[in-house]
N, C-alpha and C. Protein backbone atom coordinates (compact mmCIF):
# COMPACT_ATOMS: atom_id res chain seq x y z
N UNK A 1 59.85 1.33 66.19
CA UNK A 1 57.91 1.01 67.05
C UNK A 1 58.35 0.11 68.13
N UNK A 2 57.66 1.11 69.16
CA UNK A 2 57.74 0.45 71.02
C UNK A 2 56.93 -0.28 70.94
N UNK A 3 55.78 -0.49 70.23
CA UNK A 3 54.58 -0.81 70.38
C UNK A 3 55.17 -2.55 69.83
N UNK A 4 54.55 -3.70 70.00
CA UNK A 4 55.20 -4.79 69.30
C UNK A 4 53.85 -5.07 68.66
N UNK A 5 54.41 -4.11 67.24
CA UNK A 5 53.93 -4.94 66.35
C UNK A 5 53.55 -2.86 65.34
N UNK A 6 52.87 -3.67 64.02
CA UNK A 6 52.51 -2.59 63.57
C UNK A 6 50.71 -1.78 63.81
N UNK A 7 49.90 -2.63 63.97
CA UNK A 7 48.95 -2.33 64.56
C UNK A 7 48.26 -2.20 65.79
N UNK A 8 46.92 -2.21 66.38
CA UNK A 8 46.21 -2.36 67.88
C UNK A 8 45.00 -2.19 67.85
N UNK A 9 44.23 -3.13 68.67
CA UNK A 9 42.89 -3.44 68.95
C UNK A 9 42.72 -2.28 70.32
N UNK A 10 42.31 -1.43 69.93
CA UNK A 10 41.71 -0.42 71.40
C UNK A 10 40.15 -0.86 71.70
N UNK A 11 39.77 -0.80 72.60
CA UNK A 11 38.72 -1.06 73.61
C UNK A 11 38.31 -0.30 74.78
N UNK A 12 37.21 0.49 74.80
CA UNK A 12 37.12 0.61 75.78
C UNK A 12 35.08 -0.14 76.05
N UNK A 13 34.97 -0.30 77.37
CA UNK A 13 33.68 -0.14 78.22
C UNK A 13 33.54 0.20 78.79
N UNK A 14 32.12 -0.31 79.63
CA UNK A 14 31.68 -0.42 80.71
C UNK A 14 31.23 -1.81 81.56
N UNK A 15 31.82 -2.12 82.54
CA UNK A 15 31.42 -3.39 83.44
C UNK A 15 30.58 -3.28 84.78
N UNK A 16 29.50 -3.30 85.14
CA UNK A 16 28.87 -2.84 86.64
C UNK A 16 29.36 -3.87 87.75
N UNK A 17 29.67 -3.54 88.84
CA UNK A 17 30.60 -4.10 90.27
C UNK A 17 29.68 -5.04 90.02
N UNK A 18 29.20 -6.04 89.61
CA UNK A 18 28.07 -7.16 90.29
C UNK A 18 28.61 -8.00 89.45
N UNK A 19 29.61 -7.65 88.17
CA UNK A 19 29.87 -8.67 87.06
C UNK A 19 31.52 -8.62 86.89
N UNK A 20 32.24 -7.57 88.16
CA UNK A 20 33.41 -7.35 87.95
C UNK A 20 34.11 -8.56 88.15
N UNK A 21 33.84 -9.44 88.89
CA UNK A 21 34.59 -10.61 89.43
C UNK A 21 34.62 -11.75 88.43
N UNK A 22 33.67 -12.01 87.89
CA UNK A 22 33.45 -13.00 86.84
C UNK A 22 34.17 -12.79 85.95
N UNK A 23 33.84 -11.45 85.26
CA UNK A 23 34.78 -10.63 84.36
C UNK A 23 35.96 -10.54 84.30
N UNK A 24 36.54 -10.02 85.18
CA UNK A 24 38.50 -10.87 85.37
C UNK A 24 39.10 -11.73 85.22
N UNK A 25 38.00 -12.37 86.07
CA UNK A 25 38.19 -14.23 86.22
C UNK A 25 37.71 -14.72 84.57
N UNK A 26 37.17 -14.56 83.63
CA UNK A 26 37.34 -15.00 82.17
C UNK A 26 37.78 -14.23 81.44
N UNK A 27 38.17 -12.90 81.67
CA UNK A 27 39.02 -12.26 80.66
C UNK A 27 40.60 -12.77 80.79
N UNK A 28 40.47 -12.96 81.95
CA UNK A 28 42.25 -13.04 82.36
C UNK A 28 42.54 -15.03 81.69
N UNK A 29 41.84 -15.64 82.46
CA UNK A 29 41.83 -16.95 82.16
C UNK A 29 41.27 -17.85 80.66
N UNK A 30 40.29 -17.28 80.44
CA UNK A 30 40.09 -17.76 79.42
C UNK A 30 39.89 -16.82 77.70
N UNK A 31 39.95 -15.76 77.97
CA UNK A 31 39.70 -14.75 76.41
C UNK A 31 41.13 -14.36 76.31
N UNK A 32 41.70 -14.16 77.88
CA UNK A 32 43.42 -13.76 76.70
C UNK A 32 43.95 -15.00 76.26
N UNK A 33 44.05 -15.77 77.33
CA UNK A 33 44.71 -17.16 76.30
C UNK A 33 44.06 -17.53 75.18
N UNK A 34 42.49 -17.33 74.60
CA UNK A 34 42.06 -18.09 73.13
C UNK A 34 43.09 -16.69 72.59
N UNK A 35 42.52 -15.38 72.70
CA UNK A 35 42.76 -14.34 71.87
C UNK A 35 44.60 -14.10 71.48
N UNK A 36 45.21 -14.67 72.47
CA UNK A 36 46.92 -14.45 72.63
C UNK A 36 47.18 -15.93 71.80
N UNK A 37 46.50 -16.49 71.31
CA UNK A 37 46.90 -17.82 70.64
C UNK A 37 46.50 -17.80 68.90
N UNK A 38 46.07 -17.09 68.63
CA UNK A 38 45.24 -16.06 66.99
C UNK A 38 46.88 -15.66 66.42
N UNK A 39 47.11 -15.84 65.41
CA UNK A 39 48.76 -15.49 64.66
C UNK A 39 48.50 -14.28 64.65
N UNK A 40 49.45 -12.88 65.41
CA UNK A 40 49.96 -12.17 64.41
C UNK A 40 49.57 -11.42 66.18
N UNK A 41 48.93 -12.13 66.69
CA UNK A 41 48.36 -11.07 68.91
C UNK A 41 49.54 -11.57 69.41
N UNK A 42 49.89 -9.98 70.18
CA UNK A 42 51.69 -10.28 70.23
C UNK A 42 51.52 -9.69 71.81
N UNK A 43 50.42 -8.82 72.64
CA UNK A 43 49.88 -8.95 73.86
C UNK A 43 48.99 -8.35 73.80
N UNK A 44 48.50 -8.43 75.15
CA UNK A 44 47.45 -8.20 74.96
C UNK A 44 47.14 -7.21 77.18
N UNK A 45 46.56 -5.96 76.85
CA UNK A 45 46.93 -5.62 78.50
C UNK A 45 45.42 -4.48 78.46
N UNK A 46 44.99 -4.92 80.16
CA UNK A 46 43.63 -4.12 80.62
C UNK A 46 44.04 -3.17 81.49
N UNK A 47 43.39 -2.25 81.55
CA UNK A 47 43.03 -1.39 82.37
C UNK A 47 41.91 -0.98 83.12
N UNK A 48 41.78 -0.53 84.14
CA UNK A 48 40.67 0.03 85.02
C UNK A 48 40.84 1.42 85.46
N UNK A 49 39.02 1.96 85.79
CA UNK A 49 38.89 3.12 85.29
C UNK A 49 40.28 3.88 86.70
N UNK A 50 40.90 5.11 86.96
CA UNK A 50 41.71 5.54 87.44
C UNK A 50 40.87 6.39 88.68
N UNK A 51 39.61 6.30 88.37
CA UNK A 51 39.16 7.25 89.20
C UNK A 51 37.25 6.65 89.16
N UNK A 52 37.26 5.12 90.29
CA UNK A 52 36.75 4.32 90.37
C UNK A 52 35.44 4.32 89.94
N UNK A 53 34.99 3.96 88.40
CA UNK A 53 34.58 4.25 87.63
C UNK A 53 33.83 2.89 86.99
N UNK A 54 32.73 1.99 85.69
CA UNK A 54 33.30 1.04 85.84
C UNK A 54 33.69 0.93 84.55
N UNK A 55 34.42 1.21 83.66
CA UNK A 55 35.47 1.26 82.48
C UNK A 55 36.26 0.28 82.63
N UNK A 56 36.80 0.16 81.37
CA UNK A 56 38.11 -0.56 81.15
C UNK A 56 37.70 -0.54 80.03
N UNK A 57 39.62 -0.71 80.06
CA UNK A 57 40.31 0.16 78.64
C UNK A 57 41.22 -1.29 77.53
N UNK A 58 41.22 -1.75 77.20
CA UNK A 58 42.10 -3.29 76.46
C UNK A 58 42.44 -2.80 75.68
N UNK A 59 43.96 -3.65 75.02
CA UNK A 59 44.53 -2.86 73.54
C UNK A 59 45.41 -4.24 73.76
N UNK A 60 45.25 -4.35 72.71
CA UNK A 60 46.00 -6.15 72.33
C UNK A 60 47.07 -5.20 70.86
N UNK A 61 48.05 -5.58 71.09
CA UNK A 61 49.47 -5.28 70.53
C UNK A 61 49.31 -6.97 69.50
N UNK A 62 49.12 -6.21 68.00
CA UNK A 62 49.53 -7.14 66.72
C UNK A 62 50.13 -6.81 65.46
N UNK A 63 50.80 -7.79 64.65
CA UNK A 63 52.05 -8.01 63.77
C UNK A 63 51.41 -6.80 62.66
N UNK A 64 50.60 -6.71 62.08
CA UNK A 64 49.83 -5.88 61.23
C UNK A 64 48.68 -5.70 61.64
N UNK A 65 48.50 -4.98 60.59
CA UNK A 65 46.68 -4.23 60.23
C UNK A 65 45.96 -5.94 59.90
N UNK A 66 47.09 -6.69 59.05
CA UNK A 66 46.20 -7.99 58.34
C UNK A 66 45.05 -8.87 59.43
N UNK A 67 45.34 -8.71 60.34
CA UNK A 67 45.47 -9.48 61.47
C UNK A 67 44.12 -8.82 62.38
N UNK A 68 43.36 -8.16 62.25
CA UNK A 68 42.47 -8.08 62.31
C UNK A 68 41.26 -8.44 61.80
N UNK A 69 41.37 -8.71 60.24
CA UNK A 69 40.81 -9.59 59.40
C UNK A 69 41.02 -10.86 59.00
N UNK A 70 41.72 -11.33 59.32
CA UNK A 70 42.64 -13.05 59.72
C UNK A 70 41.79 -13.89 59.53
N UNK A 71 41.42 -14.91 58.85
CA UNK A 71 40.55 -15.87 58.76
C UNK A 71 40.69 -16.38 60.11
N UNK A 72 41.63 -16.68 60.67
CA UNK A 72 42.16 -17.07 62.51
C UNK A 72 41.28 -15.99 63.28
N UNK A 73 41.35 -14.87 63.49
CA UNK A 73 40.80 -13.87 64.11
C UNK A 73 38.79 -14.15 63.91
N UNK A 74 38.37 -14.18 62.71
CA UNK A 74 36.98 -13.93 62.35
C UNK A 74 36.41 -15.41 63.09
N UNK A 75 37.71 -16.29 62.95
CA UNK A 75 36.68 -17.37 63.69
C UNK A 75 36.26 -17.33 64.82
N UNK A 76 37.08 -17.03 65.52
CA UNK A 76 36.74 -16.75 67.02
C UNK A 76 35.85 -15.76 67.52
N UNK A 77 35.93 -14.36 66.33
CA UNK A 77 34.74 -13.63 66.81
C UNK A 77 33.34 -14.53 66.63
N UNK A 78 32.78 -14.86 65.41
CA UNK A 78 32.24 -15.80 65.01
C UNK A 78 31.94 -16.92 65.75
N UNK A 79 32.20 -17.27 66.53
CA UNK A 79 32.19 -18.78 67.40
C UNK A 79 32.61 -18.70 68.42
N UNK A 80 31.77 -17.79 69.46
CA UNK A 80 32.21 -17.46 70.99
C UNK A 80 31.45 -18.92 71.81
N UNK A 81 33.19 -18.64 72.66
CA UNK A 81 32.79 -19.46 74.22
C UNK A 81 31.51 -19.59 74.73
N UNK A 82 30.90 -20.83 75.21
CA UNK A 82 29.74 -20.60 76.26
C UNK A 82 29.61 -19.49 77.16
N UNK A 83 30.92 -18.75 77.85
CA UNK A 83 31.25 -18.73 78.83
C UNK A 83 31.49 -17.22 78.03
N UNK A 84 31.84 -16.63 77.10
CA UNK A 84 31.86 -15.90 75.90
C UNK A 84 30.87 -14.78 75.76
N UNK A 85 29.73 -15.70 75.60
CA UNK A 85 28.02 -15.75 75.33
C UNK A 85 27.60 -14.99 75.78
N UNK A 86 27.80 -15.15 77.75
CA UNK A 86 27.10 -14.95 78.55
C UNK A 86 28.06 -13.59 78.76
N UNK A 87 29.39 -13.79 78.84
CA UNK A 87 29.55 -12.03 79.86
C UNK A 87 29.70 -10.97 78.94
N UNK A 88 29.32 -10.96 77.05
CA UNK A 88 29.84 -10.23 76.41
C UNK A 88 28.77 -9.33 76.43
N UNK A 89 27.39 -9.52 76.11
CA UNK A 89 26.22 -9.10 76.86
C UNK A 89 27.19 -7.84 77.73
N UNK A 90 27.26 -7.89 79.06
CA UNK A 90 27.75 -6.93 80.12
C UNK A 90 28.47 -6.42 79.59
N UNK A 91 29.07 -6.31 78.43
CA UNK A 91 30.21 -5.19 77.92
C UNK A 91 29.45 -4.14 77.32
N UNK A 92 28.46 -2.94 78.23
CA UNK A 92 28.28 -1.73 77.61
C UNK A 92 29.17 -0.58 76.99
N UNK A 93 28.34 -0.10 75.98
CA UNK A 93 28.89 1.53 76.14
C UNK A 93 30.48 1.13 75.06
N UNK A 94 30.75 -0.43 74.08
CA UNK A 94 31.46 -0.66 74.02
C UNK A 94 31.95 0.05 72.63
N UNK A 95 33.24 0.53 72.57
CA UNK A 95 33.94 1.60 71.46
C UNK A 95 35.28 0.71 70.96
N UNK A 96 35.34 0.03 69.35
CA UNK A 96 35.99 -0.56 69.31
C UNK A 96 36.81 0.16 68.25
N UNK A 97 37.89 -0.10 68.24
CA UNK A 97 38.73 0.47 66.73
C UNK A 97 39.71 -0.28 66.81
N UNK A 98 40.05 -1.11 64.69
CA UNK A 98 40.61 -1.44 64.91
C UNK A 98 42.00 -1.12 64.01
N UNK A 99 42.96 -1.04 64.73
CA UNK A 99 43.76 0.78 64.08
C UNK A 99 45.21 0.39 63.66
N UNK A 100 45.90 0.94 63.34
CA UNK A 100 47.09 0.67 62.47
C UNK A 100 47.92 2.09 63.39
N UNK A 101 49.44 1.25 63.52
CA UNK A 101 49.86 2.38 64.72
C UNK A 101 50.32 3.62 64.06
N UNK A 102 50.45 4.63 64.20
CA UNK A 102 51.58 6.36 63.17
C UNK A 102 52.02 6.26 63.64
N UNK A 103 51.96 6.02 64.87
CA UNK A 103 53.89 6.28 65.65
C UNK A 103 53.50 6.08 67.42
N UNK A 104 55.56 5.59 67.41
CA UNK A 104 55.21 4.86 69.13
C UNK A 104 56.12 5.02 69.62
N UNK A 105 56.29 5.43 70.97
CA UNK A 105 57.44 6.15 72.28
C UNK A 105 57.45 5.55 72.88
N UNK A 106 58.80 4.59 73.64
CA UNK A 106 58.69 4.16 74.72
C UNK A 106 58.30 2.74 75.25
N UNK A 107 58.12 2.37 76.58
CA UNK A 107 57.12 1.28 76.39
C UNK A 107 55.70 1.85 76.44
N UNK A 108 55.09 0.34 76.55
CA UNK A 108 53.69 -0.17 75.98
C UNK A 108 52.95 -0.13 77.57
N UNK A 109 53.24 -0.59 78.01
CA UNK A 109 52.41 -0.97 79.73
C UNK A 109 53.40 -0.16 81.14
N UNK A 110 52.45 -0.29 82.25
CA UNK A 110 53.24 1.08 82.96
C UNK A 110 51.49 0.27 83.96
N UNK A 111 51.20 1.18 85.03
CA UNK A 111 50.52 1.24 86.29
C UNK A 111 49.13 2.25 85.19
N UNK A 112 49.67 2.93 85.05
CA UNK A 112 48.82 3.55 84.67
C UNK A 112 48.60 4.22 83.02
N UNK A 113 47.41 5.07 82.26
CA UNK A 113 47.48 4.83 81.51
C UNK A 113 46.50 6.25 80.92
N UNK A 114 46.71 6.99 80.30
CA UNK A 114 46.56 8.33 79.72
C UNK A 114 45.46 7.67 78.14
N UNK A 115 43.82 7.75 77.72
CA UNK A 115 43.98 7.36 76.63
C UNK A 115 43.17 9.03 76.52
N UNK A 116 43.12 8.71 75.15
CA UNK A 116 42.64 10.42 74.54
C UNK A 116 41.97 10.01 73.19
N UNK A 117 41.03 10.06 72.94
CA UNK A 117 39.76 9.61 71.52
C UNK A 117 39.61 10.97 71.21
N UNK A 118 40.06 11.08 69.44
CA UNK A 118 40.37 12.15 69.24
C UNK A 118 40.05 12.04 67.57
N UNK A 119 39.62 13.28 66.54
CA UNK A 119 39.41 13.14 65.44
C UNK A 119 39.88 14.21 64.59
N UNK A 120 40.71 14.51 63.85
CA UNK A 120 41.21 15.78 63.15
C UNK A 120 40.21 16.51 62.27
N UNK A 121 40.55 17.97 62.73
CA UNK A 121 40.01 18.51 61.77
C UNK A 121 40.06 18.54 60.44
N UNK A 122 38.84 19.63 60.15
CA UNK A 122 38.74 18.94 58.43
C UNK A 122 40.08 19.57 57.84
N UNK A 123 40.38 18.37 56.94
CA UNK A 123 41.82 19.80 55.92
C UNK A 123 42.90 19.63 56.95
N UNK A 124 42.99 19.43 58.31
CA UNK A 124 44.08 18.78 59.14
C UNK A 124 45.01 17.47 60.04
N UNK A 125 44.31 16.50 58.91
CA UNK A 125 44.74 15.35 59.24
C UNK A 125 46.95 15.66 59.56
N UNK A 126 47.41 15.83 57.84
CA UNK A 126 49.03 15.79 58.17
C UNK A 126 49.00 16.21 58.88
N UNK A 127 48.89 18.24 59.26
CA UNK A 127 49.03 18.72 60.16
C UNK A 127 48.85 17.72 62.10
N UNK A 128 47.79 17.69 62.52
CA UNK A 128 47.48 16.71 63.67
C UNK A 128 48.56 15.87 63.78
N UNK A 129 49.03 14.87 62.50
CA UNK A 129 49.51 14.04 62.35
C UNK A 129 51.07 14.31 62.88
N UNK A 130 52.02 15.27 62.22
CA UNK A 130 52.99 15.24 62.79
C UNK A 130 53.59 16.00 63.82
N UNK A 131 52.28 16.95 64.43
CA UNK A 131 52.39 17.80 65.60
C UNK A 131 51.84 16.39 66.93
N UNK A 132 51.13 15.64 66.70
CA UNK A 132 51.34 14.75 67.85
C UNK A 132 52.34 13.71 67.49
N UNK A 133 53.02 12.88 66.93
CA UNK A 133 54.11 12.35 66.45
C UNK A 133 55.53 13.01 67.19
N UNK A 134 55.38 14.47 66.61
CA UNK A 134 56.70 14.99 67.07
C UNK A 134 56.78 15.01 68.47
N UNK A 135 55.61 14.87 69.38
CA UNK A 135 55.85 15.30 70.85
C UNK A 135 55.59 13.31 71.43
N UNK A 136 55.73 12.52 70.64
CA UNK A 136 55.72 11.33 72.11
C UNK A 136 57.19 10.89 72.18
N UNK A 137 58.37 11.53 71.00
CA UNK A 137 59.69 11.01 72.39
C UNK A 137 59.53 12.37 73.74
N UNK A 138 59.64 13.07 73.73
CA UNK A 138 59.53 13.96 74.60
C UNK A 138 58.52 13.43 75.75
N UNK A 139 57.33 13.32 75.40
CA UNK A 139 56.40 12.53 76.17
C UNK A 139 56.94 11.08 76.97
N UNK A 140 56.88 10.85 76.79
CA UNK A 140 58.18 9.09 76.65
C UNK A 140 59.62 9.35 77.93
N UNK A 141 60.11 10.74 78.34
CA UNK A 141 60.76 10.80 78.44
C UNK A 141 60.42 11.41 79.85
N UNK A 142 59.26 12.11 80.04
CA UNK A 142 58.89 12.87 81.10
C UNK A 142 58.63 11.79 82.49
N UNK A 143 59.31 13.15 83.71
CA UNK A 143 58.61 12.46 84.74
C UNK A 143 57.54 11.71 85.10
N UNK A 144 57.40 10.50 85.52
CA UNK A 144 56.25 10.02 85.54
C UNK A 144 55.69 9.21 84.38
N UNK A 145 56.50 9.83 83.19
CA UNK A 145 56.18 8.55 82.28
C UNK A 145 57.10 7.83 81.61
N UNK A 146 56.56 6.81 80.65
CA UNK A 146 57.23 5.55 80.33
C UNK A 146 57.01 5.32 78.25
N UNK A 147 56.08 6.44 78.30
CA UNK A 147 55.53 5.84 76.87
C UNK A 147 54.33 6.63 76.18
N UNK A 148 54.05 6.61 74.90
CA UNK A 148 53.09 7.44 74.32
C UNK A 148 53.28 6.56 73.16
N UNK A 149 52.05 6.63 72.15
CA UNK A 149 51.86 5.72 70.95
C UNK A 149 50.47 6.57 70.39
N UNK A 150 50.74 6.60 69.01
CA UNK A 150 49.23 7.57 69.01
C UNK A 150 48.72 6.20 67.95
N UNK A 151 47.08 6.10 67.71
CA UNK A 151 47.07 4.55 66.77
C UNK A 151 45.89 5.37 65.75
N UNK A 152 45.46 4.65 64.78
CA UNK A 152 43.78 5.94 64.16
C UNK A 152 42.96 4.56 63.50
N UNK A 153 42.31 4.74 63.40
CA UNK A 153 41.17 3.81 63.17
C UNK A 153 41.26 3.07 61.72
N UNK A 154 40.93 2.74 61.53
CA UNK A 154 40.61 1.64 59.75
C UNK A 154 39.43 0.76 60.10
N UNK A 155 38.50 0.58 59.38
CA UNK A 155 37.46 -0.45 59.53
C UNK A 155 37.64 -1.02 58.29
N UNK A 156 37.77 -2.49 58.62
CA UNK A 156 38.45 -3.39 58.39
C UNK A 156 36.50 -3.85 57.53
N UNK A 157 37.10 -4.49 55.93
CA UNK A 157 35.96 -4.51 55.30
C UNK A 157 35.42 -5.75 55.68
N UNK A 158 34.80 -5.91 56.33
CA UNK A 158 35.01 -7.20 56.92
C UNK A 158 32.85 -7.39 58.03
N UNK A 159 32.18 -8.96 57.93
CA UNK A 159 30.50 -8.54 58.25
C UNK A 159 30.91 -8.48 59.49
N UNK A 160 29.58 -7.76 59.81
CA UNK A 160 29.12 -7.46 61.30
C UNK A 160 29.28 -9.69 62.08
N UNK A 161 30.22 -9.41 63.30
CA UNK A 161 30.34 -10.64 64.01
C UNK A 161 29.03 -11.06 64.53
N UNK A 162 29.90 -12.14 65.12
CA UNK A 162 28.54 -13.07 66.15
C UNK A 162 28.84 -12.17 67.66
N UNK A 163 29.94 -11.66 67.68
CA UNK A 163 30.42 -11.35 69.22
C UNK A 163 29.70 -9.64 69.43
N UNK A 164 29.63 -9.35 67.62
CA UNK A 164 28.89 -7.51 68.00
C UNK A 164 27.51 -7.82 68.26
N UNK A 165 27.17 -9.41 67.40
CA UNK A 165 25.93 -8.94 67.97
C UNK A 165 24.98 -9.08 69.32
N UNK A 166 25.62 -10.12 69.18
CA UNK A 166 25.89 -10.04 70.87
C UNK A 166 25.63 -8.60 71.54
N UNK A 167 26.89 -8.22 71.86
CA UNK A 167 26.40 -7.07 72.46
C UNK A 167 26.02 -5.79 72.24
N UNK A 168 25.23 -5.89 70.65
CA UNK A 168 24.98 -4.58 69.75
C UNK A 168 25.68 -3.73 69.16
N UNK A 169 25.16 -2.63 68.44
CA UNK A 169 26.35 -1.43 68.21
C UNK A 169 27.58 -0.88 68.90
N UNK A 170 29.16 -1.48 68.44
CA UNK A 170 29.93 -0.80 68.56
C UNK A 170 30.18 0.76 68.18
N UNK A 171 30.40 1.79 68.94
CA UNK A 171 31.03 2.67 68.47
C UNK A 171 32.65 2.59 68.24
N UNK A 172 33.08 3.36 67.44
CA UNK A 172 34.88 3.33 67.31
C UNK A 172 35.13 4.52 67.32
N UNK A 173 36.51 4.64 68.43
CA UNK A 173 37.09 6.27 68.55
C UNK A 173 37.90 6.55 66.99
N UNK A 174 38.07 7.60 66.52
CA UNK A 174 38.77 7.73 64.74
C UNK A 174 40.30 7.43 65.20
N UNK A 175 41.08 8.89 65.97
CA UNK A 175 42.34 8.53 66.47
C UNK A 175 42.54 8.40 67.53
N UNK A 176 43.94 7.81 68.82
CA UNK A 176 43.54 7.77 69.61
C UNK A 176 45.19 7.69 70.20
N UNK A 177 45.19 8.11 71.30
CA UNK A 177 46.56 8.38 72.58
C UNK A 177 46.03 7.46 73.47
N UNK A 178 47.57 6.86 73.68
CA UNK A 178 47.29 5.60 74.69
C UNK A 178 49.17 6.65 75.53
N UNK A 179 49.38 7.48 76.32
CA UNK A 179 49.62 7.63 77.00
C UNK A 179 50.49 6.49 78.77
N UNK A 180 51.60 5.78 78.60
CA UNK A 180 51.41 5.43 79.91
C UNK A 180 52.70 5.61 80.68
N UNK A 181 52.29 5.32 82.01
CA UNK A 181 53.10 6.25 83.02
C UNK A 181 53.38 5.38 84.60
N UNK A 182 53.98 5.63 85.33
CA UNK A 182 54.33 5.53 86.42
C UNK A 182 53.33 6.56 87.75
N UNK A 183 53.89 7.88 87.25
CA UNK A 183 52.58 8.00 88.46
C UNK A 183 51.77 9.30 87.95
N UNK A 184 50.51 8.53 88.10
CA UNK A 184 48.86 9.21 87.99
C UNK A 184 48.83 10.85 87.78
N UNK A 185 49.63 11.68 88.79
CA UNK A 185 49.94 12.33 89.00
C UNK A 185 50.28 13.35 87.32
N UNK A 186 51.16 12.31 87.21
CA UNK A 186 52.15 13.42 85.91
C UNK A 186 50.76 13.47 84.79
N UNK A 187 50.08 12.02 84.42
CA UNK A 187 49.33 11.80 83.42
C UNK A 187 48.28 12.93 83.41
N UNK A 188 47.94 13.06 84.77
CA UNK A 188 46.28 13.66 85.02
C UNK A 188 47.19 15.27 84.06
N UNK A 189 48.20 15.89 84.84
CA UNK A 189 48.96 17.11 84.23
C UNK A 189 48.62 16.77 82.68
N UNK A 190 49.11 15.91 81.78
CA UNK A 190 49.24 16.09 80.57
C UNK A 190 47.91 16.13 79.95
N UNK A 191 46.74 15.72 80.44
CA UNK A 191 45.70 15.26 80.12
C UNK A 191 44.66 16.99 80.65
N UNK A 192 44.97 17.91 81.03
CA UNK A 192 44.89 19.36 81.35
C UNK A 192 45.49 20.02 81.01
N UNK A 193 46.13 19.72 80.82
CA UNK A 193 47.68 20.88 79.80
C UNK A 193 47.76 20.67 78.39
N UNK A 194 48.66 19.98 78.03
CA UNK A 194 48.99 20.27 76.24
C UNK A 194 48.60 19.11 75.77
N UNK A 195 47.67 17.78 76.49
CA UNK A 195 46.58 17.24 75.81
C UNK A 195 45.26 17.51 75.74
N UNK A 196 45.13 18.71 76.63
CA UNK A 196 43.57 19.05 77.18
C UNK A 196 42.75 19.42 75.29
N UNK A 197 41.21 19.28 75.82
CA UNK A 197 41.27 19.53 74.54
C UNK A 197 41.05 20.73 74.30
N UNK A 198 41.50 22.21 74.46
CA UNK A 198 41.84 23.03 73.44
C UNK A 198 42.71 23.30 73.15
N UNK A 199 43.78 22.59 73.67
CA UNK A 199 45.73 22.28 73.31
C UNK A 199 45.31 21.46 72.03
N UNK A 200 44.60 20.55 71.93
CA UNK A 200 43.80 19.44 71.16
C UNK A 200 43.96 20.20 69.27
N UNK A 201 43.03 20.34 69.69
CA UNK A 201 42.34 21.95 68.39
C UNK A 201 43.14 22.48 68.28
N UNK A 202 44.64 23.57 68.89
CA UNK A 202 44.45 24.30 68.09
C UNK A 202 45.92 23.80 67.44
N UNK A 203 46.05 22.26 67.90
CA UNK A 203 47.39 21.22 66.74
C UNK A 203 46.49 21.22 65.64
N UNK A 204 44.91 21.06 65.50
CA UNK A 204 44.27 20.75 64.01
C UNK A 204 43.10 19.27 64.16
N UNK A 205 42.89 18.89 65.87
CA UNK A 205 41.76 18.20 66.26
C UNK A 205 40.49 18.74 65.81
N UNK A 206 39.45 18.01 65.45
CA UNK A 206 38.18 18.44 66.13
C UNK A 206 37.57 18.69 67.52
N UNK A 207 36.42 19.33 67.89
CA UNK A 207 36.30 19.57 68.83
C UNK A 207 36.12 18.16 70.00
N UNK A 208 36.04 18.07 71.11
CA UNK A 208 35.15 17.28 71.63
C UNK A 208 36.19 15.53 72.07
N UNK A 209 37.44 15.91 71.67
CA UNK A 209 38.23 14.89 72.55
C UNK A 209 38.23 14.87 73.78
N UNK A 210 37.91 12.74 73.95
CA UNK A 210 37.69 12.61 75.48
C UNK A 210 38.83 11.59 76.02
N UNK A 211 39.30 12.48 77.47
CA UNK A 211 40.29 12.00 77.78
C UNK A 211 40.59 11.15 78.74
N UNK A 212 40.54 10.03 79.39
CA UNK A 212 40.43 9.13 80.12
C UNK A 212 41.49 8.27 81.25
N UNK A 213 41.17 8.64 82.18
CA UNK A 213 42.98 7.70 83.05
C UNK A 213 42.54 6.32 83.36
N UNK A 214 43.39 5.68 83.87
CA UNK A 214 43.46 4.32 84.39
C UNK A 214 44.48 3.46 85.02
N UNK A 215 43.99 2.19 85.26
CA UNK A 215 45.07 1.74 86.39
C UNK A 215 45.50 0.12 85.57
N UNK A 216 46.63 -0.25 86.21
CA UNK A 216 46.88 -1.44 85.45
C UNK A 216 45.86 -3.04 85.88
N UNK A 217 45.18 -3.69 85.26
CA UNK A 217 44.47 -5.23 85.89
C UNK A 217 45.79 -5.55 85.42
N UNK A 218 46.35 -5.93 84.19
CA UNK A 218 46.33 -7.31 83.96
C UNK A 218 47.35 -7.22 82.13
N UNK A 219 48.29 -7.65 82.43
CA UNK A 219 49.03 -7.89 80.89
C UNK A 219 49.74 -8.92 80.68
N UNK A 220 49.49 -9.52 79.39
CA UNK A 220 50.20 -11.19 79.14
C UNK A 220 50.66 -10.72 77.43
N UNK A 221 51.72 -11.06 77.40
CA UNK A 221 52.40 -11.92 76.03
C UNK A 221 52.35 -13.07 75.64
N UNK A 222 51.87 -12.91 74.58
CA UNK A 222 51.77 -14.85 73.89
C UNK A 222 52.09 -15.81 74.84
N UNK A 223 53.46 -15.67 74.94
CA UNK A 223 54.36 -16.97 76.25
C UNK A 223 53.70 -17.29 76.89
N UNK A 224 53.06 -16.09 77.92
CA UNK A 224 52.81 -16.04 79.30
C UNK A 224 51.17 -16.86 79.16
N UNK A 225 50.63 -16.46 78.09
CA UNK A 225 48.93 -17.72 78.23
C UNK A 225 48.71 -19.02 77.64
N UNK A 226 49.93 -18.62 76.66
CA UNK A 226 49.44 -20.30 75.32
C UNK A 226 50.35 -20.71 75.95
């Protein structure tokens, strides 16, 4: 397992340009330390859109899936700080997935990332998981790339939290591919060829897979910020 643990939180949202400076200050200097102090949180990494948009992608690597419903995590979600309370409404179009790690190869942090949100087609869960998992080691070793990871969302049996209430309704991504590398063009090629929506459908995915390119902003492990 190359990710730090067997679970992950994967999140996407939009942050307006006029809020970006305060958001990055808050997220790096209050939010990261707060989250990384929760037992089971191993590393957090934030990327911004690599195409000039307002998008943010955030991934927390977790010891195991139980962390997403732990008392310590829920306590923070239901008691946001004043600064967090002020920033949460600016997280627009939030997609938040509590995931089990299905397969992982290579590194988890690099200059760029390609995320692909997808769902299995009818009766294709096993076939798609095998097909994608078999490709991860090859991907991680390609020129320009360093790692590839497959995540699957599972909704935990918890009530809507205070942070969710402030933001409004969060959507979820069913399955997630996270591919990281140092060469943006290499990731762009992967996005438009072997992991295009059409190619993914041939492997067993439903239609409508969404791929996005990101650039690294900040990454921190527990010891870095606590």
